[in-house]
Amino acid sequence: LPDIKARISQQLAKFNAELASLGGPMGDGSSGNVVLSVITEFT
């Protein structure tokens, strides 16, 4: 059980990070802000 608990926490952190990169559960974010942020990040 201790190892299972640790693995669940590890997987949860991993998938939460991936979900954030996909725009959250609902794919939130206004189109203008997304384009501005990606231009800034890219440059």
PDB file of all heavy atoms in Angstrom:
ATOM      1  N   LEU A   1       0.804  -1.233   0.000  1.00  0.00           N
ATOM      2  CA  LEU A   1       0.000   0.000   0.000  1.00  0.00           C
ATOM      3  C   LEU A   1       0.839   1.287   0.000  1.00  0.00           C
ATOM      4  O   LEU A   1       0.510   2.230  -0.719  1.00  0.00           O
ATOM      5  CB  LEU A   1      -0.965   0.012   1.178  1.00  0.00           C
ATOM      6  CG  LEU A   1      -2.381  -0.495   0.876  1.00  0.00           C
ATOM      7  CD1 LEU A   1      -3.243  -0.463   2.122  1.00  0.00           C
ATOM      8  CD2 LEU A   1      -3.036   0.335  -0.229  1.00  0.00           C
ATOM      9  N   PRO A   2       1.918   1.378   0.794  1.00  0.00           N
ATOM     10  CA  PRO A   2       2.710   2.624   0.748  1.00  0.00           C
ATOM     11  C   PRO A   2       3.227   2.933  -0.659  1.00  0.00           C
ATOM     12  O   PRO A   2       3.197   4.083  -1.100  1.00  0.00           O
ATOM     13  CB  PRO A   2       3.869   2.337   1.723  1.00  0.00           C
ATOM     14  CG  PRO A   2       3.325   1.312   2.659  1.00  0.00           C
ATOM     15  CD  PRO A   2       2.417   0.453   1.844  1.00  0.00           C
ATOM     16  N   ASP A   3       3.691   1.878  -1.354  1.00  0.00           N
ATOM     17  CA  ASP A   3       4.186   2.088  -2.713  1.00  0.00           C
ATOM     18  C   ASP A   3       3.048   2.500  -3.646  1.00  0.00           C
ATOM     19  O   ASP A   3       3.227   3.345  -4.530  1.00  0.00           O
ATOM     20  CB  ASP A   3       4.851   0.805  -3.233  1.00  0.00           C
ATOM     21  CG  ASP A   3       5.433   0.993  -4.623  1.00  0.00           C
ATOM     22  OD1 ASP A   3       6.262   1.895  -4.800  1.00  0.00           O
ATOM     23  OD2 ASP A   3       5.041   0.227  -5.531  1.00  0.00           O
ATOM     24  N   ILE A   4       1.868   1.921  -3.454  1.00  0.00           N
ATOM     25  CA  ILE A   4       0.709   2.272  -4.281  1.00  0.00           C
ATOM     26  C   ILE A   4       0.353   3.745  -4.074  1.00  0.00           C
ATOM     27  O   ILE A   4       0.085   4.479  -5.026  1.00  0.00           O
ATOM     28  CB  ILE A   4      -0.493   1.363  -3.945  1.00  0.00           C
ATOM     29  CG1 ILE A   4      -0.215  -0.063  -4.416  1.00  0.00           C
ATOM     30  CG2 ILE A   4      -1.768   1.887  -4.588  1.00  0.00           C
ATOM     31  CD1 ILE A   4      -1.264  -1.068  -3.992  1.00  0.00           C
ATOM     32  N   LYS A   5       0.369   4.185  -2.810  1.00  0.00           N
ATOM     33  CA  LYS A   5       0.070   5.594  -2.522  1.00  0.00           C
ATOM     34  C   LYS A   5       1.052   6.513  -3.242  1.00  0.00           C
ATOM     35  O   LYS A   5       0.663   7.511  -3.857  1.00  0.00           O
ATOM     36  CB  LYS A   5       0.149   5.849  -1.017  1.00  0.00           C
ATOM     37  CG  LYS A   5      -1.018   5.301  -0.219  1.00  0.00           C
ATOM     38  CD  LYS A   5      -0.868   5.677   1.249  1.00  0.00           C
ATOM     39  CE  LYS A   5      -2.043   5.180   2.082  1.00  0.00           C
ATOM     40  NZ  LYS A   5      -1.927   5.563   3.500  1.00  0.00           N
ATOM     41  N   ALA A   6       2.351   6.164  -3.176  1.00  0.00           N
ATOM     42  CA  ALA A   6       3.370   7.006  -3.815  1.00  0.00           C
ATOM     43  C   ALA A   6       3.177   7.040  -5.326  1.00  0.00           C
ATOM     44  O   ALA A   6       3.301   8.093  -5.963  1.00  0.00           O
ATOM     45  CB  ALA A   6       4.766   6.479  -3.473  1.00  0.00           C
ATOM     46  N   ARG A   7       2.852   5.888  -5.910  1.00  0.00           N
ATOM     47  CA  ARG A   7       2.661   5.825  -7.367  1.00  0.00           C
ATOM     48  C   ARG A   7       1.436   6.630  -7.798  1.00  0.00           C
ATOM     49  O   ARG A   7       1.453   7.298  -8.834  1.00  0.00           O
ATOM     50  CB  ARG A   7       2.514   4.373  -7.817  1.00  0.00           C
ATOM     51  CG  ARG A   7       3.823   3.604  -7.843  1.00  0.00           C
ATOM     52  CD  ARG A   7       3.578   2.138  -8.212  1.00  0.00           C
ATOM     53  NE  ARG A   7       4.824   1.405  -8.237  1.00  0.00           N
ATOM     54  CZ  ARG A   7       5.591   1.276  -9.314  1.00  0.00           C
ATOM     55  NH1 ARG A   7       5.227   1.846 -10.448  1.00  0.00           N
ATOM     56  NH2 ARG A   7       6.706   0.584  -9.275  1.00  0.00           N
ATOM     57  N   ILE A   8       0.377   6.552  -7.006  1.00  0.00           N
ATOM     58  CA  ILE A   8      -0.834   7.320  -7.341  1.00  0.00           C
ATOM     59  C   ILE A   8      -0.522   8.811  -7.324  1.00  0.00           C
ATOM     60  O   ILE A   8      -0.909   9.549  -8.240  1.00  0.00           O
ATOM     61  CB  ILE A   8      -1.978   6.979  -6.359  1.00  0.00           C
ATOM     62  CG1 ILE A   8      -2.500   5.555  -6.623  1.00  0.00           C
ATOM     63  CG2 ILE A   8      -3.124   7.984  -6.484  1.00  0.00           C
ATOM     64  CD1 ILE A   8      -3.497   5.056  -5.595  1.00  0.00           C
ATOM     65  N   SER A   9       0.209   9.282  -6.303  1.00  0.00           N
ATOM     66  CA  SER A   9       0.568  10.710  -6.223  1.00  0.00           C
ATOM     67  C   SER A   9       1.440  11.118  -7.404  1.00  0.00           C
ATOM     68  O   SER A   9       1.253  12.195  -7.995  1.00  0.00           O
ATOM     69  CB  SER A   9       1.310  10.997  -4.914  1.00  0.00           C
ATOM     70  OG  SER A   9       0.484  10.696  -3.810  1.00  0.00           O
ATOM     71  N   GLN A  10       2.389  10.249  -7.760  1.00  0.00           N
ATOM     72  CA  GLN A  10       3.285  10.541  -8.875  1.00  0.00           C
ATOM     73  C   GLN A  10       2.514  10.638 -10.195  1.00  0.00           C
ATOM     74  O   GLN A  10       2.705  11.570 -10.976  1.00  0.00           O
ATOM     75  CB  GLN A  10       4.346   9.437  -8.963  1.00  0.00           C
ATOM     76  CG  GLN A  10       5.372   9.633 -10.051  1.00  0.00           C
ATOM     77  CD  GLN A  10       6.331   8.454 -10.138  1.00  0.00           C
ATOM     78  OE1 GLN A  10       6.224   7.487  -9.386  1.00  0.00           O
ATOM     79  NE2 GLN A  10       7.260   8.511 -11.067  1.00  0.00           N
ATOM     80  N   GLN A  11       1.626   9.671 -10.428  1.00  0.00           N
ATOM     81  CA  GLN A  11       0.834   9.672 -11.662  1.00  0.00           C
ATOM     82  C   GLN A  11      -0.109  10.876 -11.702  1.00  0.00           C
ATOM     83  O   GLN A  11      -0.329  11.479 -12.757  1.00  0.00           O
ATOM     84  CB  GLN A  11       0.016   8.379 -11.763  1.00  0.00           C
ATOM     85  CG  GLN A  11       0.851   7.129 -11.986  1.00  0.00           C
ATOM     86  CD  GLN A  11       1.460   7.098 -13.373  1.00  0.00           C
ATOM     87  OE1 GLN A  11       0.803   7.438 -14.349  1.00  0.00           O
ATOM     88  NE2 GLN A  11       2.718   6.715 -13.450  1.00  0.00           N
ATOM     89  N   LEU A  12      -0.660  11.223 -10.540  1.00  0.00           N
ATOM     90  CA  LEU A  12      -1.586  12.354 -10.480  1.00  0.00           C
ATOM     91  C   LEU A  12      -0.876  13.647 -10.862  1.00  0.00           C
ATOM     92  O   LEU A  12      -1.416  14.464 -11.631  1.00  0.00           O
ATOM     93  CB  LEU A  12      -2.175  12.455  -9.067  1.00  0.00           C
ATOM     94  CG  LEU A  12      -3.380  13.380  -8.886  1.00  0.00           C
ATOM     95  CD1 LEU A  12      -4.504  13.002  -9.829  1.00  0.00           C
ATOM     96  CD2 LEU A  12      -3.869  13.323  -7.440  1.00  0.00           C
ATOM     97  N   ALA A  13       0.331  13.838 -10.357  1.00  0.00           N
ATOM     98  CA  ALA A  13       1.098  15.042 -10.707  1.00  0.00           C
ATOM     99  C   ALA A  13       1.407  15.069 -12.193  1.00  0.00           C
ATOM    100  O   ALA A  13       1.307  16.112 -12.855  1.00  0.00           O
ATOM    101  CB  ALA A  13       2.395  15.077  -9.888  1.00  0.00           C
ATOM    102  N   LYS A  14       1.755  13.920 -12.737  1.00  0.00           N
ATOM    103  CA  LYS A  14       2.102  13.839 -14.163  1.00  0.00           C
ATOM    104  C   LYS A  14       0.903  14.199 -15.046  1.00  0.00           C
ATOM    105  O   LYS A  14       1.009  15.003 -15.983  1.00  0.00           O
ATOM    106  CB  LYS A  14       2.596  12.427 -14.477  1.00  0.00           C
ATOM    107  CG  LYS A  14       2.787  12.133 -15.946  1.00  0.00           C
ATOM    108  CD  LYS A  14       3.060  10.654 -16.172  1.00  0.00           C
ATOM    109  CE  LYS A  14       2.882  10.298 -17.640  1.00  0.00           C
ATOM    110  NZ  LYS A  14       2.975   8.850 -17.876  1.00  0.00           N
ATOM    111  N   PHE A  15      -0.260  13.603 -14.743  1.00  0.00           N
ATOM    112  CA  PHE A  15      -1.427  13.834 -15.591  1.00  0.00           C
ATOM    113  C   PHE A  15      -2.015  15.232 -15.385  1.00  0.00           C
ATOM    114  O   PHE A  15      -2.572  15.817 -16.317  1.00  0.00           O
ATOM    115  CB  PHE A  15      -2.491  12.761 -15.350  1.00  0.00           C
ATOM    116  CG  PHE A  15      -2.146  11.443 -15.982  1.00  0.00           C
ATOM    117  CD1 PHE A  15      -1.982  10.309 -15.209  1.00  0.00           C
ATOM    118  CD2 PHE A  15      -1.978  11.342 -17.350  1.00  0.00           C
ATOM    119  CE1 PHE A  15      -1.656   9.096 -15.790  1.00  0.00           C
ATOM    120  CE2 PHE A  15      -1.658  10.135 -17.942  1.00  0.00           C
ATOM    121  CZ  PHE A  15      -1.492   9.004 -17.170  1.00  0.00           C
ATOM    122  N   ASN A  16      -1.878  15.771 -14.173  1.00  0.00           N
ATOM    123  CA  ASN A  16      -2.324  17.155 -13.966  1.00  0.00           C
ATOM    124  C   ASN A  16      -1.491  18.124 -14.799  1.00  0.00           C
ATOM    125  O   ASN A  16      -2.008  19.086 -15.354  1.00  0.00           O
ATOM    126  CB  ASN A  16      -2.237  17.524 -12.483  1.00  0.00           C
ATOM    127  CG  ASN A  16      -3.505  17.146 -11.720  1.00  0.00           C
ATOM    128  OD1 ASN A  16      -4.609  17.242 -12.252  1.00  0.00           O
ATOM    129  ND2 ASN A  16      -3.353  16.719 -10.484  1.00  0.00           N
ATOM    130  N   ALA A  17      -0.181  17.854 -14.872  1.00  0.00           N
ATOM    131  CA  ALA A  17       0.687  18.706 -15.692  1.00  0.00           C
ATOM    132  C   ALA A  17       0.311  18.595 -17.168  1.00  0.00           C
ATOM    133  O   ALA A  17       0.263  19.604 -17.890  1.00  0.00           O
ATOM    134  CB  ALA A  17       2.151  18.305 -15.488  1.00  0.00           C
ATOM    135  N   GLU A  18       0.031  17.377 -17.626  1.00  0.00           N
ATOM    136  CA  GLU A  18      -0.364  17.201 -19.024  1.00  0.00           C
ATOM    137  C   GLU A  18      -1.704  17.883 -19.291  1.00  0.00           C
ATOM    138  O   GLU A  18      -1.902  18.497 -20.343  1.00  0.00           O
ATOM    139  CB  GLU A  18      -0.450  15.711 -19.378  1.00  0.00           C
ATOM    140  CG  GLU A  18      -0.762  15.483 -20.844  1.00  0.00           C
ATOM    141  CD  GLU A  18      -0.798  14.022 -21.234  1.00  0.00           C
ATOM    142  OE1 GLU A  18      -0.488  13.167 -20.383  1.00  0.00           O
ATOM    143  OE2 GLU A  18      -1.155  13.730 -22.389  1.00  0.00           O
ATOM    144  N   LEU A  19      -2.620  17.789 -18.331  1.00  0.00           N
ATOM    145  CA  LEU A  19      -3.931  18.416 -18.501  1.00  0.00           C
ATOM    146  C   LEU A  19      -3.794  19.931 -18.605  1.00  0.00           C
ATOM    147  O   LEU A  19      -4.471  20.580 -19.405  1.00  0.00           O
ATOM    148  CB  LEU A  19      -4.847  18.032 -17.326  1.00  0.00           C
ATOM    149  CG  LEU A  19      -6.313  18.463 -17.440  1.00  0.00           C
ATOM    150  CD1 LEU A  19      -6.952  17.851 -18.680  1.00  0.00           C
ATOM    151  CD2 LEU A  19      -7.085  18.051 -16.192  1.00  0.00           C
ATOM    152  N   ALA A  20      -2.884  20.485 -17.805  1.00  0.00           N
ATOM    153  CA  ALA A  20      -2.656  21.937 -17.880  1.00  0.00           C
ATOM    154  C   ALA A  20      -2.124  22.328 -19.255  1.00  0.00           C
ATOM    155  O   ALA A  20      -2.510  23.357 -19.821  1.00  0.00           O
ATOM    156  CB  ALA A  20      -1.672  22.358 -16.784  1.00  0.00           C
ATOM    157  N   SER A  21      -1.242  21.491 -19.812  1.00  0.00           N
ATOM    158  CA  SER A  21      -0.699  21.791 -21.144  1.00  0.00           C
ATOM    159  C   SER A  21      -1.758  21.675 -22.227  1.00  0.00           C
ATOM    160  O   SER A  21      -1.628  22.263 -23.301  1.00  0.00           O
ATOM    161  CB  SER A  21       0.469  20.859 -21.458  1.00  0.00           C
ATOM    162  OG  SER A  21       0.019  19.552 -21.738  1.00  0.00           O
ATOM    163  N   LEU A  22      -2.813  20.908 -21.954  1.00  0.00           N
ATOM    164  CA  LEU A  22      -3.901  20.747 -22.922  1.00  0.00           C
ATOM    165  C   LEU A  22      -4.998  21.792 -22.731  1.00  0.00           C
ATOM    166  O   LEU A  22      -6.052  21.706 -23.358  1.00  0.00           O
ATOM    167  CB  LEU A  22      -4.505  19.339 -22.806  1.00  0.00           C
ATOM    168  CG  LEU A  22      -3.581  18.174 -23.194  1.00  0.00           C
ATOM    169  CD1 LEU A  22      -4.208  16.843 -22.818  1.00  0.00           C
ATOM    170  CD2 LEU A  22      -3.269  18.209 -24.676  1.00  0.00           C
ATOM    171  N   GLY A  23      -4.766  22.743 -21.840  1.00  0.00           N
ATOM    172  CA  GLY A  23      -5.733  23.826 -21.653  1.00  0.00           C
ATOM    173  C   GLY A  23      -6.726  23.579 -20.544  1.00  0.00           C
ATOM    174  O   GLY A  23      -7.765  24.245 -20.493  1.00  0.00           O
ATOM    175  N   GLY A  24      -6.456  22.627 -19.653  1.00  0.00           N
ATOM    176  CA  GLY A  24      -7.374  22.366 -18.550  1.00  0.00           C
ATOM    177  C   GLY A  24      -8.519  21.464 -18.962  1.00  0.00           C
ATOM    178  O   GLY A  24      -8.659  21.083 -20.127  1.00  0.00           O
ATOM    179  N   PRO A  25      -9.363  21.069 -18.000  1.00  0.00           N
ATOM    180  CA  PRO A  25     -10.456  20.119 -18.282  1.00  0.00           C
ATOM    181  C   PRO A  25     -11.405  20.582 -19.380  1.00  0.00           C
ATOM    182  O   PRO A  25     -11.919  19.775 -20.142  1.00  0.00           O
ATOM    183  CB  PRO A  25     -11.184  20.021 -16.935  1.00  0.00           C
ATOM    184  CG  PRO A  25     -10.207  20.494 -15.915  1.00  0.00           C
ATOM    185  CD  PRO A  25      -9.331  21.479 -16.591  1.00  0.00           C
ATOM    186  N   MET A  26     -11.632  21.879 -19.482  1.00  0.00           N
ATOM    187  CA  MET A  26     -12.583  22.385 -20.467  1.00  0.00           C
ATOM    188  C   MET A  26     -11.898  23.031 -21.669  1.00  0.00           C
ATOM    189  O   MET A  26     -12.548  23.582 -22.549  1.00  0.00           O
ATOM    190  CB  MET A  26     -13.514  23.429 -19.810  1.00  0.00           C
ATOM    191  CG  MET A  26     -14.230  22.930 -18.569  1.00  0.00           C
ATOM    192  SD  MET A  26     -15.260  21.490 -18.925  1.00  0.00           S
ATOM    193  CE  MET A  26     -16.487  22.243 -19.993  1.00  0.00           C
ATOM    194  N   GLY A  27     -10.558  22.967 -21.717  1.00  0.00           N
ATOM    195  CA  GLY A  27      -9.857  23.629 -22.814  1.00  0.00           C
ATOM    196  C   GLY A  27     -10.012  25.130 -22.763  1.00  0.00           C
ATOM    197  O   GLY A  27     -10.237  25.788 -23.773  1.00  0.00           O
ATOM    198  N   ASP A  28      -9.913  25.698 -21.533  1.00  0.00           N
ATOM    199  CA  ASP A  28     -10.180  27.124 -21.353  1.00  0.00           C
ATOM    200  C   ASP A  28      -9.063  27.980 -21.936  1.00  0.00           C
ATOM    201  O   ASP A  28      -7.986  27.518 -22.255  1.00  0.00           O
ATOM    202  CB  ASP A  28     -10.320  27.441 -19.854  1.00  0.00           C
ATOM    203  CG  ASP A  28     -11.500  26.698 -19.246  1.00  0.00           C
ATOM    204  OD1 ASP A  28     -12.450  26.442 -19.994  1.00  0.00           O
ATOM    205  OD2 ASP A  28     -11.447  26.375 -18.048  1.00  0.00           O
ATOM    206  N   GLY A  29      -9.321  29.267 -22.012  1.00  0.00           N
ATOM    207  CA  GLY A  29      -8.342  30.239 -22.483  1.00  0.00           C
ATOM    208  C   GLY A  29      -8.864  30.972 -23.698  1.00  0.00           C
ATOM    209  O   GLY A  29      -9.259  30.347 -24.675  1.00  0.00           O
ATOM    210  N   SER A  30      -8.867  32.303 -23.632  1.00  0.00           N
ATOM    211  CA  SER A  30      -9.365  33.076 -24.777  1.00  0.00           C
ATOM    212  C   SER A  30      -8.362  32.976 -25.914  1.00  0.00           C
ATOM    213  O   SER A  30      -7.158  32.869 -25.704  1.00  0.00           O
ATOM    214  CB  SER A  30      -9.567  34.534 -24.381  1.00  0.00           C
ATOM    215  OG  SER A  30      -8.325  35.153 -24.139  1.00  0.00           O
ATOM    216  N   SER A  31      -8.886  33.052 -27.144  1.00  0.00           N
ATOM    217  CA  SER A  31      -8.048  32.851 -28.320  1.00  0.00           C
ATOM    218  C   SER A  31      -6.940  33.893 -28.407  1.00  0.00           C
ATOM    219  O   SER A  31      -5.796  33.571 -28.738  1.00  0.00           O
ATOM    220  CB  SER A  31      -8.911  32.869 -29.581  1.00  0.00           C
ATOM    221  OG  SER A  31      -9.666  34.072 -29.637  1.00  0.00           O
ATOM    222  N   GLY A  32      -7.277  35.148 -28.100  1.00  0.00           N
ATOM    223  CA  GLY A  32      -6.270  36.201 -28.173  1.00  0.00           C
ATOM    224  C   GLY A  32      -5.126  35.969 -27.205  1.00  0.00           C
ATOM    225  O   GLY A  32      -3.949  36.114 -27.555  1.00  0.00           O
ATOM    226  N   ASN A  33      -5.474  35.606 -25.968  1.00  0.00           N
ATOM    227  CA  ASN A  33      -4.436  35.369 -24.961  1.00  0.00           C
ATOM    228  C   ASN A  33      -3.542  34.201 -25.346  1.00  0.00           C
ATOM    229  O   ASN A  33      -2.330  34.231 -25.118  1.00  0.00           O
ATOM    230  CB  ASN A  33      -5.074  35.103 -23.593  1.00  0.00           C
ATOM    231  CG  ASN A  33      -5.703  36.356 -23.013  1.00  0.00           C
ATOM    232  OD1 ASN A  33      -5.394  37.460 -23.455  1.00  0.00           O
ATOM    233  ND2 ASN A  33      -6.592  36.182 -22.044  1.00  0.00           N
ATOM    234  N   VAL A  34      -4.139  33.163 -25.917  1.00  0.00           N
ATOM    235  CA  VAL A  34      -3.351  31.989 -26.312  1.00  0.00           C
ATOM    236  C   VAL A  34      -2.325  32.380 -27.367  1.00  0.00           C
ATOM    237  O   VAL A  34      -1.141  32.029 -27.276  1.00  0.00           O
ATOM    238  CB  VAL A  34      -4.274  30.865 -26.840  1.00  0.00           C
ATOM    239  CG1 VAL A  34      -3.447  29.757 -27.476  1.00  0.00           C
ATOM    240  CG2 VAL A  34      -5.127  30.302 -25.718  1.00  0.00           C
ATOM    241  N   VAL A  35      -2.763  33.118 -28.386  1.00  0.00           N
ATOM    242  CA  VAL A  35      -1.851  33.501 -29.463  1.00  0.00           C
ATOM    243  C   VAL A  35      -0.757  34.427 -28.943  1.00  0.00           C
ATOM    244  O   VAL A  35       0.427  34.256 -29.265  1.00  0.00           O
ATOM    245  CB  VAL A  35      -2.634  34.168 -30.619  1.00  0.00           C
ATOM    246  CG1 VAL A  35      -1.667  34.765 -31.644  1.00  0.00           C
ATOM    247  CG2 VAL A  35      -3.549  33.165 -31.287  1.00  0.00           C
ATOM    248  N   LEU A  36      -1.128  35.395 -28.102  1.00  0.00           N
ATOM    249  CA  LEU A  36      -0.121  36.303 -27.545  1.00  0.00           C
ATOM    250  C   LEU A  36       0.917  35.549 -26.728  1.00  0.00           C
ATOM    251  O   LEU A  36       2.120  35.781 -26.850  1.00  0.00           O
ATOM    252  CB  LEU A  36      -0.806  37.367 -26.672  1.00  0.00           C
ATOM    253  CG  LEU A  36      -1.451  38.555 -27.388  1.00  0.00           C
ATOM    254  CD1 LEU A  36      -2.147  39.451 -26.390  1.00  0.00           C
ATOM    255  CD2 LEU A  36      -0.404  39.333 -28.168  1.00  0.00           C
ATOM    256  N   SER A  37       0.440  34.632 -25.885  1.00  0.00           N
ATOM    257  CA  SER A  37       1.369  33.911 -25.006  1.00  0.00           C
ATOM    258  C   SER A  37       2.290  33.002 -25.812  1.00  0.00           C
ATOM    259  O   SER A  37       3.481  32.880 -25.501  1.00  0.00           O
ATOM    260  CB  SER A  37       0.603  33.102 -23.954  1.00  0.00           C
ATOM    261  OG  SER A  37      -0.173  32.097 -24.573  1.00  0.00           O
ATOM    262  N   VAL A  38       1.772  32.366 -26.875  1.00  0.00           N
ATOM    263  CA  VAL A  38       2.613  31.453 -27.644  1.00  0.00           C
ATOM    264  C   VAL A  38       3.632  32.236 -28.471  1.00  0.00           C
ATOM    265  O   VAL A  38       4.773  31.788 -28.657  1.00  0.00           O
ATOM    266  CB  VAL A  38       1.765  30.511 -28.535  1.00  0.00           C
ATOM    267  CG1 VAL A  38       1.224  31.223 -29.760  1.00  0.00           C
ATOM    268  CG2 VAL A  38       2.587  29.310 -28.974  1.00  0.00           C
ATOM    269  N   ILE A  39       3.262  33.421 -28.953  1.00  0.00           N
ATOM    270  CA  ILE A  39       4.228  34.255 -29.683  1.00  0.00           C
ATOM    271  C   ILE A  39       5.352  34.686 -28.747  1.00  0.00           C
ATOM    272  O   ILE A  39       6.537  34.619 -29.092  1.00  0.00           O
ATOM    273  CB  ILE A  39       3.532  35.487 -30.298  1.00  0.00           C
ATOM    274  CG1 ILE A  39       2.634  35.061 -31.463  1.00  0.00           C
ATOM    275  CG2 ILE A  39       4.559  36.509 -30.771  1.00  0.00           C
ATOM    276  CD1 ILE A  39       1.793  36.187 -32.037  1.00  0.00           C
ATOM    277  N   THR A  40       4.972  35.107 -27.545  1.00  0.00           N
ATOM    278  CA  THR A  40       5.982  35.532 -26.562  1.00  0.00           C
ATOM    279  C   THR A  40       6.888  34.370 -26.184  1.00  0.00           C
ATOM    280  O   THR A  40       8.121  34.508 -26.140  1.00  0.00           O
ATOM    281  CB  THR A  40       5.292  36.091 -25.306  1.00  0.00           C
ATOM    282  OG1 THR A  40       4.422  37.156 -25.684  1.00  0.00           O
ATOM    283  CG2 THR A  40       6.320  36.585 -24.304  1.00  0.00           C
ATOM    284  N   GLU A  41       6.274  33.208 -25.920  1.00  0.00           N
ATOM    285  CA  GLU A  41       7.067  32.039 -25.530  1.00  0.00           C
ATOM    286  C   GLU A  41       8.014  31.631 -26.653  1.00  0.00           C
ATOM    287  O   GLU A  41       9.192  31.345 -26.417  1.00  0.00           O
ATOM    288  CB  GLU A  41       6.140  30.866 -25.177  1.00  0.00           C
ATOM    289  CG  GLU A  41       6.897  29.630 -24.703  1.00  0.00           C
ATOM    290  CD  GLU A  41       5.975  28.463 -24.355  1.00  0.00           C
ATOM    291  OE1 GLU A  41       4.746  28.608 -24.509  1.00  0.00           O
ATOM    292  OE2 GLU A  41       6.496  27.412 -23.944  1.00  0.00           O
ATOM    293  N   PHE A  42       7.508  31.624 -27.893  1.00  0.00           N
ATOM    294  CA  PHE A  42       8.340  31.191 -29.019  1.00  0.00           C
ATOM    295  C   PHE A  42       9.530  32.128 -29.214  1.00  0.00           C
ATOM    296  O   PHE A  42      10.676  31.673 -29.356  1.00  0.00           O
ATOM    297  CB  PHE A  42       7.502  31.135 -30.302  1.00  0.00           C
ATOM    298  CG  PHE A  42       8.294  30.754 -31.518  1.00  0.00           C
ATOM    299  CD1 PHE A  42       8.496  29.425 -31.848  1.00  0.00           C
ATOM    300  CD2 PHE A  42       8.857  31.731 -32.335  1.00  0.00           C
ATOM    301  CE1 PHE A  42       9.248  29.079 -32.957  1.00  0.00           C
ATOM    302  CE2 PHE A  42       9.610  31.390 -33.445  1.00  0.00           C
ATOM    303  CZ  PHE A  42       9.798  30.057 -33.753  1.00  0.00           C
ATOM    304  N   THR A  43       9.270  33.437 -29.246  1.00  0.00           N
ATOM    305  CA  THR A  43      10.361  34.376 -29.511  1.00  0.00           C
ATOM    306  C   THR A  43      11.387  34.374 -28.377  1.00  0.00           C
ATOM    307  O   THR A  43      12.593  34.495 -28.629  1.00  0.00           O
ATOM    308  CB  THR A  43       9.809  35.795 -29.726  1.00  0.00           C
ATOM    309  OG1 THR A  43       8.893  36.122 -28.674  1.00  0.00           O
ATOM    310  CG2 THR A  43       9.073  35.889 -31.045  1.00  0.00           C
TER     311      THR A  43
END
